Amino acid sequence: MSMGEAKARRQARLEREKLSKPISQSRFNLLAIGTRKSPAPYLYEEVAYWADLEERVIGVIARDVQDDDYYWSLLARDRNGRFRSVSFDACLRSAHFATVALRERIAKAVSEEDLVVLGTQGDETNQTTDLLAVPPGTKPENLHPNFRMLLETPGRATARAVLKELGPWLAPSDPHFVKEFQCKQFDQRLWELYLWAVFRELGYDVTQPEAPDFHVSSPRGEFTVEATTCAPSEAGVLADHPDPKTPAEMKAFLTDYMPMKFGSALTAKLNKKSASGESYWERGPGAGKPFTLAIADFHKPGGDGAVGSMTYTQEALWLYLYGHRIEWQFIDGNLMTRSVKLNDHAYKTKTVETGFFDLEGAENISAVVFSNAGTLAKFDRMGVDAGFAPEDHRYFRIGFHLDPDPNAIVGIPFSEEISAENGERWSDELQVFHNPRAKFPLPLEAFAGATQHQFVDGQLISYSTGTPVLSSQTVIMHLVDDEELMEAAI
């Protein structure tokens, strides 16, 4: 090959490389949220991510941890809109060689190939799960207020970007999932979407059998999950909702009213039977494996300056689960705690037995999972993290971090601007309460990285990584120029 030919080839390669760009790990993680198989983290170490300029195809460079060589994989959207692998090469001697090859493959895909044909896998469903597409003829007044806010608020573009990627991966056995998400059960369905994203982030393969809601598995093991929520009470004693204002009123609220709310949702799942008389833990591919209940509190939503109940009701959950409260005092400058058995929870004319894990049949519940972050704010922040924030918006978060000081009794306040590649994880706020009487105990490794709790010899023992967020609020700020400000004032 002459020097002129070599120069021409090099120039052509440089021109083709203009058709690709690097993307962040956070962005790739969202775009490929359903792609990785659970053994992948044990086999490969991902080192770089690429896409074409319009992100019609994306790619990853990874190192084989056994052979210490490299591979690349190209992903394109299938007919359901999911990014999936369509081409790859392995046994490459360096990350540089893999990168050159991947960028050549991206250039070929976008300049020479039909991307619909390239992405077709042959196993797509007949209909894509599009969470945001409202069916023609739907009356606006039938849409849930939070769904309308999601669709219509410019600053929620970040959450919309996230839901665009999650939706096509969901193939729920419930054919009414999308309609319920848009209309009557927005919070409940958003909670399930959040849980699915958590399980994927934790490295699990996730399927959705008829019941329970999720079967998750990986080389670490498998378990099943049934999701539930605390909803507003529309009748009965609990419909008379307290409005605690003083510390004493809040203590009574968390000791009695809220345990009843959690208990109602949890015992309903504990006692529910299928038409053939089977409980949740006896059904589906996870029968005989650990079974967990995942609960979120949506009984009093926030908005218009009000704080949603889920930001402060977690304490009531573990009170009810373990049937104990923690008392504390300082002795010689050191924080001393002890657990005290609770009486049954009583509110007006209603009484509920404390200690969910002590109930008959509850030994079949391996753990209860809770998060106060299964809300639109979480989806907004994950969208910002992936780089989908509109240029004229800013996102801020205020709240409390766990204080690692063993003598601390309150969290550390924080305030921060959320930006791309902030490093937030879906599971950051997750709380896992293990059942000390579980027939099939759930190992701590199942939720590695999340905050977890065990009740051992009458004492609550907690495990956490770093300084997890205890509670927070997210503020979205829309920036306007002088002209827009004048128009708004007219």
Protein backbone atom coordinates (compact mmCIF):
# COMPACT_ATOMS: atom_id res chain seq x y z
CA MET A 1 0.00 0.00 0.00
CA SER A 2 1.40 3.38 -0.97
CA MET A 3 1.69 6.28 1.42
CA GLY A 4 -1.06 8.06 -0.48
CA GLU A 5 -3.44 5.11 -0.12
CA ALA A 6 -2.67 4.82 3.59
CA LYS A 7 -3.33 8.52 4.08
CA ALA A 8 -6.61 8.27 2.16
CA ARG A 9 -7.75 5.32 4.29
CA ARG A 10 -6.86 7.14 7.45
CA GLN A 11 -8.75 10.21 6.32
CA ALA A 12 -11.79 8.07 5.45
CA ARG A 13 -11.68 6.44 8.88
CA LEU A 14 -11.54 9.84 10.56
CA GLU A 15 -14.57 10.93 8.55
CA ARG A 16 -16.48 7.81 9.62
CA GLU A 17 -15.53 8.44 13.25
CA LYS A 18 -17.36 11.76 13.03
CA LEU A 19 -20.56 9.68 12.96
CA SER A 20 -20.05 8.46 16.54
CA LYS A 21 -19.65 10.05 19.95
CA PRO A 22 -18.84 8.87 23.49
CA ILE A 23 -21.72 8.73 25.95
CA SER A 24 -21.69 8.51 29.73
CA GLN A 25 -22.17 5.33 31.71
CA SER A 26 -25.31 6.83 33.28
CA ARG A 27 -26.83 7.42 29.86
CA PHE A 28 -25.91 3.96 28.60
CA ASN A 29 -27.30 2.41 31.78
CA LEU A 30 -30.68 3.99 31.10
CA LEU A 31 -30.78 3.28 27.38
CA ALA A 32 -29.74 -0.34 27.95
CA ILE A 33 -31.56 -0.82 31.25
CA GLY A 34 -33.10 -4.14 30.26
CA THR A 35 -30.28 -5.47 28.11
CA ARG A 36 -27.60 -6.96 30.33
CA LYS A 37 -27.95 -10.56 31.49
CA SER A 38 -27.28 -11.26 35.14
CA PRO A 39 -23.98 -13.19 34.64
CA ALA A 40 -22.43 -10.23 32.73
CA PRO A 41 -20.86 -8.43 35.73
CA TYR A 42 -19.03 -11.63 36.66
CA LEU A 43 -17.60 -12.03 33.16
CA TYR A 44 -16.91 -8.53 31.84
CA GLU A 45 -15.77 -5.12 33.02
CA GLU A 46 -17.30 -2.34 30.94
CA VAL A 47 -14.83 0.43 30.10
CA ALA A 48 -16.45 2.77 27.52
CA TYR A 49 -19.74 3.60 25.81
CA TRP A 50 -20.47 4.99 22.35
CA ALA A 51 -23.41 6.00 20.16
CA ASP A 52 -24.12 7.55 16.81
CA LEU A 53 -24.85 11.27 16.84
CA GLU A 54 -28.62 10.73 17.09
CA GLU A 55 -28.35 7.74 19.45
CA ARG A 56 -30.15 5.42 17.07
CA VAL A 57 -27.52 2.78 17.91
CA ILE A 58 -25.32 2.51 20.99
CA GLY A 59 -22.32 0.39 21.89
CA VAL A 60 -20.16 -0.81 24.75
CA ILE A 61 -16.48 -1.75 25.12
CA ALA A 62 -15.70 -4.32 27.83
CA ARG A 63 -12.77 -6.32 29.16
CA ASP A 64 -13.05 -10.07 29.65
CA VAL A 65 -11.98 -10.50 33.28
CA GLN A 66 -10.84 -14.09 32.69
CA ASP A 67 -8.86 -13.73 29.46
CA ASP A 68 -7.91 -10.05 29.85
CA ASP A 69 -8.88 -9.24 26.28
CA TYR A 70 -11.63 -6.97 24.96
CA TYR A 71 -14.91 -7.11 23.09
CA TRP A 72 -17.41 -4.67 21.70
CA SER A 73 -21.15 -4.97 21.24
CA LEU A 74 -23.49 -2.87 19.09
CA LEU A 75 -27.10 -2.36 20.22
CA ALA A 76 -30.03 -1.21 18.12
CA ARG A 77 -33.70 -0.82 18.95
CA ASP A 78 -35.87 -3.84 18.24
CA ARG A 79 -39.43 -3.55 16.96
CA ASN A 80 -40.63 -2.88 20.50
CA GLY A 81 -38.18 -0.01 20.95
CA ARG A 82 -35.71 -1.81 23.22
CA PHE A 83 -31.95 -1.49 22.74
CA ARG A 84 -30.58 -5.03 22.25
CA SER A 85 -27.34 -6.49 20.93
CA VAL A 86 -27.22 -6.91 17.16
CA SER A 87 -23.49 -7.32 16.49
CA PHE A 88 -20.31 -7.97 18.45
CA ASP A 89 -16.69 -9.05 18.25
CA ALA A 90 -14.42 -10.50 20.94
CA CYS A 91 -10.83 -11.51 21.68
CA LEU A 92 -9.45 -8.08 20.79
CA ARG A 93 -6.04 -7.27 22.24
CA SER A 94 -6.75 -3.79 23.58
CA ALA A 95 -9.50 -1.34 24.37
CA HIS A 96 -8.15 0.88 21.57
CA PHE A 97 -8.61 -1.83 18.93
CA ALA A 98 -12.11 -2.55 20.25
CA THR A 99 -13.00 1.14 20.15
CA VAL A 100 -11.82 1.59 16.56
CA ALA A 101 -13.81 -1.46 15.49
CA LEU A 102 -16.98 -0.37 17.33
CA ARG A 103 -16.88 3.11 15.83
CA GLU A 104 -16.45 1.60 12.35
CA ARG A 105 -19.46 -0.62 13.05
CA ILE A 106 -21.55 2.34 14.22
CA ALA A 107 -20.64 4.26 11.06
CA LYS A 108 -21.63 1.33 8.86
CA ALA A 109 -24.93 0.86 10.69
CA VAL A 110 -26.09 4.46 10.34
CA SER A 111 -24.78 5.09 6.83
CA GLU A 112 -25.44 1.79 5.05
CA GLU A 113 -28.05 -0.28 6.90
CA ASP A 114 -31.77 -0.28 7.54
CA LEU A 115 -31.86 0.14 11.32
CA VAL A 116 -35.32 -1.40 11.63
CA VAL A 117 -34.08 -4.57 9.95
CA LEU A 118 -30.84 -4.45 11.92
CA GLY A 119 -32.66 -4.25 15.26
CA THR A 120 -35.31 -6.90 14.61
CA GLN A 121 -34.85 -9.87 16.94
CA GLY A 122 -37.83 -12.00 15.93
CA ASP A 123 -39.25 -12.36 19.43
CA GLU A 124 -40.92 -8.99 19.77
CA THR A 125 -44.48 -8.71 21.05
CA ASN A 126 -47.23 -7.47 18.77
CA GLN A 127 -47.69 -4.29 20.75
CA THR A 128 -45.13 -2.07 22.46
CA THR A 129 -45.74 -0.95 26.03
CA ASP A 130 -45.84 2.83 25.59
CA LEU A 131 -46.53 4.36 28.98
CA LEU A 132 -46.93 7.90 27.66
CA ALA A 133 -49.15 7.37 24.59
CA VAL A 134 -52.72 8.24 25.54
CA PRO A 135 -55.27 6.21 23.52
CA PRO A 136 -57.40 8.30 21.15
CA GLY A 137 -60.74 9.23 22.67
CA THR A 138 -59.50 9.28 26.26
CA LYS A 139 -61.19 12.10 28.16
CA PRO A 140 -58.62 14.43 29.76
CA GLU A 141 -60.57 14.46 33.02
CA ASN A 142 -60.10 10.68 33.28
CA LEU A 143 -56.31 11.00 33.38
CA HIS A 144 -54.65 10.92 36.79
CA PRO A 145 -53.50 14.41 37.90
CA ASN A 146 -49.93 13.19 38.33
CA PHE A 147 -49.95 11.65 34.86
CA ARG A 148 -51.17 14.92 33.35
CA MET A 149 -48.40 16.73 35.23
CA LEU A 150 -45.89 14.22 33.85
CA LEU A 151 -47.06 14.81 30.28
CA GLU A 152 -47.55 18.56 30.39
CA THR A 153 -44.76 19.95 32.59
CA PRO A 154 -41.63 20.91 30.59
CA GLY A 155 -39.34 20.14 33.53
CA ARG A 156 -40.63 16.57 33.63
CA ALA A 157 -38.90 15.83 30.32
CA THR A 158 -36.32 13.96 32.37
CA ALA A 159 -38.90 11.57 33.84
CA ARG A 160 -40.50 11.13 30.42
CA ALA A 161 -37.13 10.14 28.96
CA VAL A 162 -36.73 7.49 31.67
CA LEU A 163 -40.24 6.09 31.22
CA LYS A 164 -39.73 5.95 27.46
CA GLU A 165 -36.90 3.47 28.04
CA LEU A 166 -38.55 1.45 30.82
CA GLY A 167 -41.94 1.03 29.15
CA PRO A 168 -40.98 -1.21 26.23
CA TRP A 169 -39.25 -3.68 28.56
CA LEU A 170 -42.37 -4.30 30.60
CA ALA A 171 -44.60 -7.12 29.50
CA PRO A 172 -46.96 -7.35 32.48
CA SER A 173 -49.52 -10.11 32.57
CA ASP A 174 -52.04 -7.41 33.50
CA PRO A 175 -53.27 -5.99 30.17
CA HIS A 176 -54.59 -2.93 31.99
CA PHE A 177 -51.18 -1.78 33.23
CA VAL A 178 -50.84 1.23 30.91
CA LYS A 179 -54.44 2.38 31.37
CA GLU A 180 -54.14 2.16 35.15
CA PHE A 181 -50.82 4.03 35.06
CA GLN A 182 -52.48 6.82 33.11
CA CYS A 183 -55.80 6.94 34.93
CA LYS A 184 -56.67 5.42 38.30
CA GLN A 185 -53.55 3.80 39.76
CA PHE A 186 -50.66 6.02 38.76
CA ASP A 187 -48.83 5.76 42.09
CA GLN A 188 -49.16 1.99 42.34
CA ARG A 189 -47.90 1.40 38.82
CA LEU A 190 -45.07 3.90 39.23
CA TRP A 191 -44.00 1.94 42.32
CA GLU A 192 -43.81 -1.23 40.21
CA LEU A 193 -41.79 0.57 37.53
CA TYR A 194 -39.41 1.80 40.21
CA LEU A 195 -38.99 -1.70 41.64
CA TRP A 196 -38.29 -3.15 38.19
CA ALA A 197 -35.55 -0.54 37.67
CA VAL A 198 -34.08 -1.34 41.11
CA PHE A 199 -33.89 -5.06 40.38
CA ARG A 200 -32.27 -4.43 37.02
CA GLU A 201 -29.70 -2.11 38.61
CA LEU A 202 -28.93 -4.76 41.22
CA GLY A 203 -28.03 -7.14 38.40
CA TYR A 204 -31.09 -9.38 38.30
CA ASP A 205 -32.91 -10.89 35.36
CA VAL A 206 -36.55 -9.91 35.91
CA THR A 207 -39.70 -11.62 34.69
CA GLN A 208 -43.30 -10.79 35.50
CA PRO A 209 -45.37 -13.92 36.07
CA GLU A 210 -49.10 -13.74 36.64
CA ALA A 211 -48.35 -13.69 40.39
CA PRO A 212 -46.37 -12.55 42.31
CA ASP A 213 -45.46 -9.34 40.47
CA PHE A 214 -41.75 -10.12 39.96
CA HIS A 215 -39.48 -13.14 39.77
CA VAL A 216 -35.85 -12.05 39.98
CA SER A 217 -32.79 -14.24 39.55
CA SER A 218 -29.04 -14.03 39.13
CA PRO A 219 -25.98 -16.13 40.00
CA ARG A 220 -26.52 -14.82 43.57
CA GLY A 221 -29.87 -16.58 43.82
CA GLU A 222 -33.54 -15.90 43.20
CA PHE A 223 -36.65 -14.67 44.98
CA THR A 224 -40.12 -13.32 44.20
CA VAL A 225 -41.68 -9.98 45.03
CA GLU A 226 -45.26 -8.79 45.39
CA ALA A 227 -45.75 -5.01 45.33
CA THR A 228 -48.34 -3.12 47.35
CA THR A 229 -49.01 0.44 48.51
CA CYS A 230 -50.72 2.38 51.27
CA ALA A 231 -53.53 4.32 49.62
CA PRO A 232 -55.81 6.99 51.13
CA SER A 233 -58.62 5.50 53.23
CA GLU A 234 -62.01 6.48 51.82
CA ALA A 235 -64.16 4.84 54.49
CA GLY A 236 -63.96 3.53 58.04
CA VAL A 237 -62.05 4.82 61.03
CA LEU A 238 -58.82 5.48 59.10
CA ALA A 239 -60.58 7.85 56.72
CA ASP A 240 -60.47 10.37 59.58
CA HIS A 241 -56.84 11.23 58.96
CA PRO A 242 -54.87 12.86 61.80
CA ASP A 243 -53.04 16.11 61.18
CA PRO A 244 -50.13 15.89 63.62
CA LYS A 245 -48.53 19.22 64.47
CA THR A 246 -46.69 18.74 67.77
CA PRO A 247 -43.96 16.16 68.52
CA ALA A 248 -46.40 14.30 70.77
CA GLU A 249 -49.04 14.18 68.04
CA MET A 250 -46.49 12.96 65.51
CA LYS A 251 -45.33 10.23 67.90
CA ALA A 252 -48.92 9.03 68.36
CA PHE A 253 -49.51 9.19 64.61
CA LEU A 254 -46.44 7.03 63.87
CA THR A 255 -47.15 4.64 66.75
CA ASP A 256 -50.81 3.91 66.03
CA TYR A 257 -52.37 5.33 62.85
CA MET A 258 -49.55 4.57 60.40
CA PRO A 259 -48.91 0.98 61.59
CA MET A 260 -52.59 0.36 60.82
CA LYS A 261 -52.14 1.74 57.31
CA PHE A 262 -49.08 -0.43 56.67
CA GLY A 263 -50.75 -3.39 58.38
CA SER A 264 -53.85 -3.18 56.22
CA ALA A 265 -51.81 -3.37 53.00
CA LEU A 266 -49.39 -6.06 54.22
CA THR A 267 -51.92 -8.39 55.84
CA ALA A 268 -54.10 -8.21 52.72
CA LYS A 269 -51.21 -9.68 50.74
CA LEU A 270 -50.35 -12.15 53.52
CA ASN A 271 -53.87 -13.58 53.55
CA LYS A 272 -54.75 -13.43 49.86
CA LYS A 273 -55.33 -16.75 48.08
CA SER A 274 -55.67 -17.58 44.40
CA ALA A 275 -58.77 -19.28 43.01
CA SER A 276 -57.02 -22.60 43.64
CA GLY A 277 -56.21 -21.66 47.26
CA GLU A 278 -52.53 -20.84 46.80
CA SER A 279 -50.74 -18.00 48.61
CA TYR A 280 -48.33 -15.73 46.75
CA TRP A 281 -45.26 -17.66 47.95
CA GLU A 282 -46.72 -20.89 46.57
CA ARG A 283 -47.23 -19.55 43.06
CA GLY A 284 -45.08 -19.07 39.98
CA PRO A 285 -41.48 -20.03 39.26
CA GLY A 286 -40.27 -18.85 42.67
CA ALA A 287 -42.33 -21.26 44.79
CA GLY A 288 -40.15 -22.61 47.57
CA LYS A 289 -37.78 -19.66 47.30
CA PRO A 290 -37.59 -16.47 49.42
CA PHE A 291 -40.66 -14.28 48.98
CA THR A 292 -40.77 -10.56 49.78
CA LEU A 293 -43.40 -7.86 49.99
CA ALA A 294 -42.49 -4.40 48.66
CA ILE A 295 -44.51 -1.52 50.08
CA ALA A 296 -44.63 2.24 49.49
CA ASP A 297 -46.72 4.85 51.25
CA PHE A 298 -48.89 6.96 48.93
CA HIS A 299 -51.72 7.52 51.42
CA LYS A 300 -51.10 11.27 51.64
CA PRO A 301 -49.40 12.69 48.54
CA GLY A 302 -47.34 15.86 48.55
CA GLY A 303 -47.68 18.87 46.31
CA ASP A 304 -48.57 22.58 46.60
CA GLY A 305 -45.91 23.00 49.27
CA ALA A 306 -47.04 20.00 51.33
CA VAL A 307 -44.67 17.15 52.16
CA GLY A 308 -45.79 13.68 51.09
CA SER A 309 -46.36 11.20 53.92
CA MET A 310 -43.77 8.76 52.62
CA THR A 311 -40.96 11.12 53.61
CA TYR A 312 -41.62 10.61 57.33
CA THR A 313 -43.59 7.37 57.86
CA GLN A 314 -40.76 4.83 57.56
CA GLU A 315 -40.37 4.72 61.35
CA ALA A 316 -43.93 3.42 61.67
CA LEU A 317 -43.17 0.55 59.31
CA TRP A 318 -40.41 -1.04 61.33
CA LEU A 319 -42.36 -0.42 64.56
CA TYR A 320 -45.18 -2.48 63.11
CA LEU A 321 -43.00 -5.16 61.49
CA TYR A 322 -40.98 -6.00 64.59
CA GLY A 323 -43.47 -4.92 67.27
CA HIS A 324 -40.85 -2.91 69.14
CA ARG A 325 -39.80 0.70 69.50
CA ILE A 326 -36.32 2.00 70.21
CA GLU A 327 -35.76 4.15 73.28
CA TRP A 328 -32.53 6.10 73.65
CA GLN A 329 -30.60 8.23 76.09
CA PHE A 330 -27.11 9.65 76.47
CA ILE A 331 -24.99 8.18 79.26
CA ASP A 332 -21.57 9.77 79.80
CA GLY A 333 -21.77 11.30 76.33
CA ASN A 334 -22.55 8.02 74.57
CA LEU A 335 -25.85 7.18 72.88
CA MET A 336 -27.46 4.13 74.49
CA THR A 337 -30.48 2.39 72.98
CA ARG A 338 -32.84 -0.37 73.99
CA SER A 339 -35.85 -1.97 72.33
CA VAL A 340 -39.20 -2.00 74.08
CA LYS A 341 -42.12 -4.27 73.15
CA LEU A 342 -45.08 -2.31 71.86
CA ASN A 343 -48.70 -2.64 72.84
CA ASP A 344 -51.16 -3.26 70.06
CA HIS A 345 -51.83 -0.23 67.86
CA ALA A 346 -55.08 1.60 68.68
CA TYR A 347 -56.76 4.47 66.86
CA LYS A 348 -60.27 5.57 67.84
CA THR A 349 -62.35 2.34 67.84
CA LYS A 350 -59.86 0.26 65.84
CA THR A 351 -57.11 -1.97 67.28
CA VAL A 352 -54.44 -3.84 65.29
CA GLU A 353 -52.04 -6.47 66.61
CA THR A 354 -48.44 -5.32 66.46
CA GLY A 355 -45.52 -7.34 65.07
CA PHE A 356 -46.34 -8.30 61.47
CA PHE A 357 -43.48 -10.81 61.35
CA ASP A 358 -45.02 -12.56 64.38
CA LEU A 359 -48.38 -13.14 62.69
CA GLU A 360 -49.48 -16.63 61.69
CA GLY A 361 -48.24 -17.35 58.19
CA ALA A 362 -45.79 -14.43 58.19
CA GLU A 363 -42.87 -16.87 58.38
CA ASN A 364 -43.43 -17.20 54.63
CA ILE A 365 -42.49 -13.53 54.15
CA SER A 366 -38.70 -13.42 53.94
CA ALA A 367 -38.47 -9.63 54.07
CA VAL A 368 -40.39 -6.41 53.53
CA VAL A 369 -38.89 -3.86 51.13
CA PHE A 370 -39.66 -0.15 51.43
CA SER A 371 -38.58 3.05 49.73
CA ASN A 372 -39.71 6.65 50.07
CA ALA A 373 -38.30 7.38 46.60
CA GLY A 374 -40.65 5.55 44.25
CA THR A 375 -42.01 8.84 42.97
CA LEU A 376 -41.79 11.06 39.90
CA ALA A 377 -39.01 13.00 41.61
CA LYS A 378 -36.80 9.90 41.50
CA PHE A 379 -37.50 9.40 37.80
CA ASP A 380 -36.70 13.08 37.22
CA ARG A 381 -33.35 12.78 39.00
CA MET A 382 -32.40 9.60 37.14
CA GLY A 383 -33.23 11.37 33.88
CA VAL A 384 -31.00 14.29 34.86
CA ASP A 385 -28.25 11.82 35.79
CA ALA A 386 -28.51 10.32 32.30
CA GLY A 387 -28.16 13.76 30.69
CA PHE A 388 -31.76 14.42 29.63
CA ALA A 389 -32.28 17.71 31.51
CA PRO A 390 -33.62 20.59 29.36
CA GLU A 391 -31.12 23.42 29.06
CA ASP A 392 -33.51 25.93 30.61
CA HIS A 393 -34.16 23.92 33.76
CA ARG A 394 -32.21 23.27 36.95
CA TYR A 395 -32.84 20.50 39.46
CA PHE A 396 -32.10 20.73 43.18
CA ARG A 397 -32.44 18.27 46.04
CA ILE A 398 -32.67 19.01 49.75
CA GLY A 399 -32.96 16.52 52.57
CA PHE A 400 -31.09 14.51 55.17
CA HIS A 401 -28.25 12.02 54.84
CA LEU A 402 -27.58 9.30 57.39
CA ASP A 403 -25.09 10.56 59.97
CA PRO A 404 -22.42 7.83 60.47
CA ASP A 405 -21.63 9.17 63.96
CA PRO A 406 -22.75 6.39 66.36
CA ASN A 407 -24.02 9.09 68.74
CA ALA A 408 -26.13 10.85 66.11
CA ILE A 409 -29.89 10.94 66.57
CA VAL A 410 -30.74 13.03 63.48
CA GLY A 411 -29.47 13.00 59.92
CA ILE A 412 -27.13 15.47 58.24
CA PRO A 413 -28.98 18.13 56.22
CA PHE A 414 -27.86 18.59 52.62
CA SER A 415 -28.69 20.72 49.62
CA GLU A 416 -27.29 20.04 46.17
CA GLU A 417 -27.83 20.75 42.51
CA ILE A 418 -28.45 17.59 40.53
CA SER A 419 -26.40 17.29 37.38
CA ALA A 420 -25.57 14.77 34.67
CA GLU A 421 -23.49 11.83 35.86
CA ASN A 422 -24.36 12.64 39.46
CA GLY A 423 -23.95 8.95 40.26
CA GLU A 424 -27.38 8.43 41.82
CA ARG A 425 -28.62 4.84 41.93
CA TRP A 426 -32.16 3.53 41.79
CA SER A 427 -31.56 1.61 45.02
CA ASP A 428 -30.04 4.47 47.04
CA GLU A 429 -33.09 4.96 49.27
CA LEU A 430 -34.14 1.32 49.46
CA GLN A 431 -34.77 -0.19 52.91
CA VAL A 432 -34.94 -3.97 53.43
CA PHE A 433 -36.44 -5.33 56.66
CA HIS A 434 -35.53 -8.99 57.16
CA ASN A 435 -37.92 -11.36 58.92
CA PRO A 436 -36.21 -13.08 61.90
CA ARG A 437 -38.72 -15.95 61.61
CA ALA A 438 -38.43 -16.45 57.84
CA LYS A 439 -38.86 -19.99 56.58
CA PHE A 440 -36.64 -19.06 53.63
CA PRO A 441 -34.31 -16.27 54.82
CA LEU A 442 -33.23 -13.72 52.26
CA PRO A 443 -29.42 -13.32 52.32
CA LEU A 444 -28.03 -9.83 52.77
CA GLU A 445 -26.23 -10.27 49.45
CA ALA A 446 -29.58 -10.22 47.67
CA PHE A 447 -29.80 -6.45 48.18
CA ALA A 448 -26.11 -5.63 48.41
CA GLY A 449 -25.60 -1.87 48.64
CA ALA A 450 -29.07 -1.09 50.00
CA THR A 451 -29.80 -0.26 53.63
CA GLN A 452 -30.89 -3.43 55.42
CA HIS A 453 -32.26 -4.21 58.86
CA GLN A 454 -32.33 -7.33 61.03
CA PHE A 455 -33.92 -7.86 64.44
CA VAL A 456 -31.57 -10.06 66.46
CA ASP A 457 -31.92 -10.89 70.16
CA GLY A 458 -34.32 -8.01 70.69
CA GLN A 459 -32.12 -5.45 68.97
CA LEU A 460 -32.50 -3.73 65.60
CA ILE A 461 -29.26 -4.04 63.61
CA SER A 462 -28.86 -1.95 60.46
CA TYR A 463 -26.39 -2.17 57.59
CA SER A 464 -25.77 0.57 55.06
CA THR A 465 -23.18 1.66 52.52
CA GLY A 466 -21.90 5.23 52.56
CA THR A 467 -24.34 7.87 53.78
CA PRO A 468 -27.73 7.03 52.25
CA VAL A 469 -30.47 9.63 51.93
CA LEU A 470 -33.06 9.34 54.70
CA SER A 471 -35.58 11.75 53.16
CA SER A 472 -35.53 14.47 50.54
CA GLN A 473 -37.47 16.79 48.28
CA THR A 474 -36.65 17.65 44.67
CA VAL A 475 -37.12 21.17 43.35
CA ILE A 476 -37.36 21.90 39.61
CA MET A 477 -36.48 25.44 38.54
CA HIS A 478 -37.41 26.84 35.12
CA LEU A 479 -35.03 29.56 33.92
CA VAL A 480 -36.56 32.32 31.81
CA ASP A 481 -35.06 35.32 30.03
CA ASP A 482 -36.23 38.91 30.41
CA GLU A 483 -38.64 38.69 27.46
CA GLU A 484 -40.35 35.58 28.83
CA LEU A 485 -40.55 37.22 32.27
CA MET A 486 -42.25 40.28 30.80
CA GLU A 487 -44.73 38.13 28.86
CA ALA A 488 -45.57 36.21 32.03
CA ALA A 489 -46.19 39.46 33.87
CA ILE A 490 -48.64 40.79 31.26
